[in-house]
Protein backbone atom coordinates (compact mmCIF):
# COMPACT_ATOMS: atom_id res chain seq x y z
CA MET A 1 -12.21 -16.40 6.55
CA ALA A 2 -12.61 -13.04 8.25
CA HIS A 3 -13.46 -9.99 6.19
CA GLY A 4 -12.80 -6.40 7.18
CA ASP A 5 -15.29 -3.57 7.12
CA SER A 6 -15.61 -2.42 3.51
CA SER A 7 -17.33 0.86 4.37
CA SER A 8 -14.12 2.89 4.45
CA PRO A 9 -14.68 6.51 3.42
CA THR A 10 -11.51 6.48 1.32
CA PRO A 11 -10.58 3.96 -1.35
CA PRO A 12 -7.43 1.88 -0.91
CA PRO A 13 -4.24 3.39 -2.34
CA HIS A 14 -3.15 2.45 -5.85
CA PRO A 15 0.42 1.12 -5.76
CA ASP A 16 2.87 1.00 -8.64
CA LEU A 17 3.04 -2.75 -9.21
CA ASP A 18 6.25 -2.45 -11.24
CA LEU A 19 7.97 -1.13 -8.10
CA ALA A 20 6.29 -3.74 -5.90
CA ARG A 21 7.04 -6.77 -8.07
CA THR A 22 10.25 -7.79 -6.26
CA CYS A 23 9.48 -6.38 -2.80
CA ASP A 24 9.84 -8.87 0.05
CA HIS A 25 8.03 -6.61 2.54
CA CYS A 26 4.66 -6.46 0.74
CA LEU A 27 5.19 -9.64 -1.31
CA GLY A 28 4.58 -7.79 -4.57
CA TRP A 29 1.24 -6.23 -3.64
CA GLY A 30 2.51 -2.67 -3.08
CA THR A 31 0.36 -2.25 0.01
CA VAL A 32 0.42 -3.50 3.57
CA VAL A 33 -2.44 -3.93 6.04
CA THR A 34 -2.14 -1.93 9.25
CA ARG A 35 -3.19 -3.11 12.69
CA ASP A 36 -6.41 -1.14 12.16
CA GLY A 37 -7.20 -3.09 9.00
CA GLU A 38 -6.42 -0.20 6.66
CA HIS A 39 -4.38 -0.59 3.49
CA ASP A 40 -1.29 1.64 3.29
CA LEU A 41 1.30 1.90 0.56
CA CYS A 42 4.36 -0.21 1.30
CA GLU A 43 7.09 2.02 2.74
CA ALA A 44 9.77 -0.29 1.38
CA CYS A 45 8.89 -0.03 -2.32
CA GLN A 46 6.35 2.76 -2.87
CA ARG A 47 7.19 6.45 -2.92
CA ASP A 48 4.70 8.92 -1.49
CA PRO A 49 3.89 11.41 -4.28
CA GLY A 50 3.63 14.20 -1.69
CA ASP A 51 7.00 13.58 -0.05
CA GLY A 52 8.70 16.36 -1.99
CA SER A 53 11.27 14.23 -3.77
CA ALA A 54 11.14 14.86 -7.49
CA ALA A 55 12.78 12.49 -9.92
C-alpha cells in the first residue's frame, strides 16, 4: 500500500460528518483526495465557512 507524504504544513480539513453521511461523492468521509495527494473538503456535501453564505 502506498502512503503519501505526511509532512504537510497544514492539517487536513475537519468535515461535518453529519453532512457527509449520505454523500455519494466522498462516500461519507467529507473529504476528497486531490491529484496532488492533498485532502480537500468535499464540494458536494461540505460548505466552506468562508464562502459568505450565512444560514
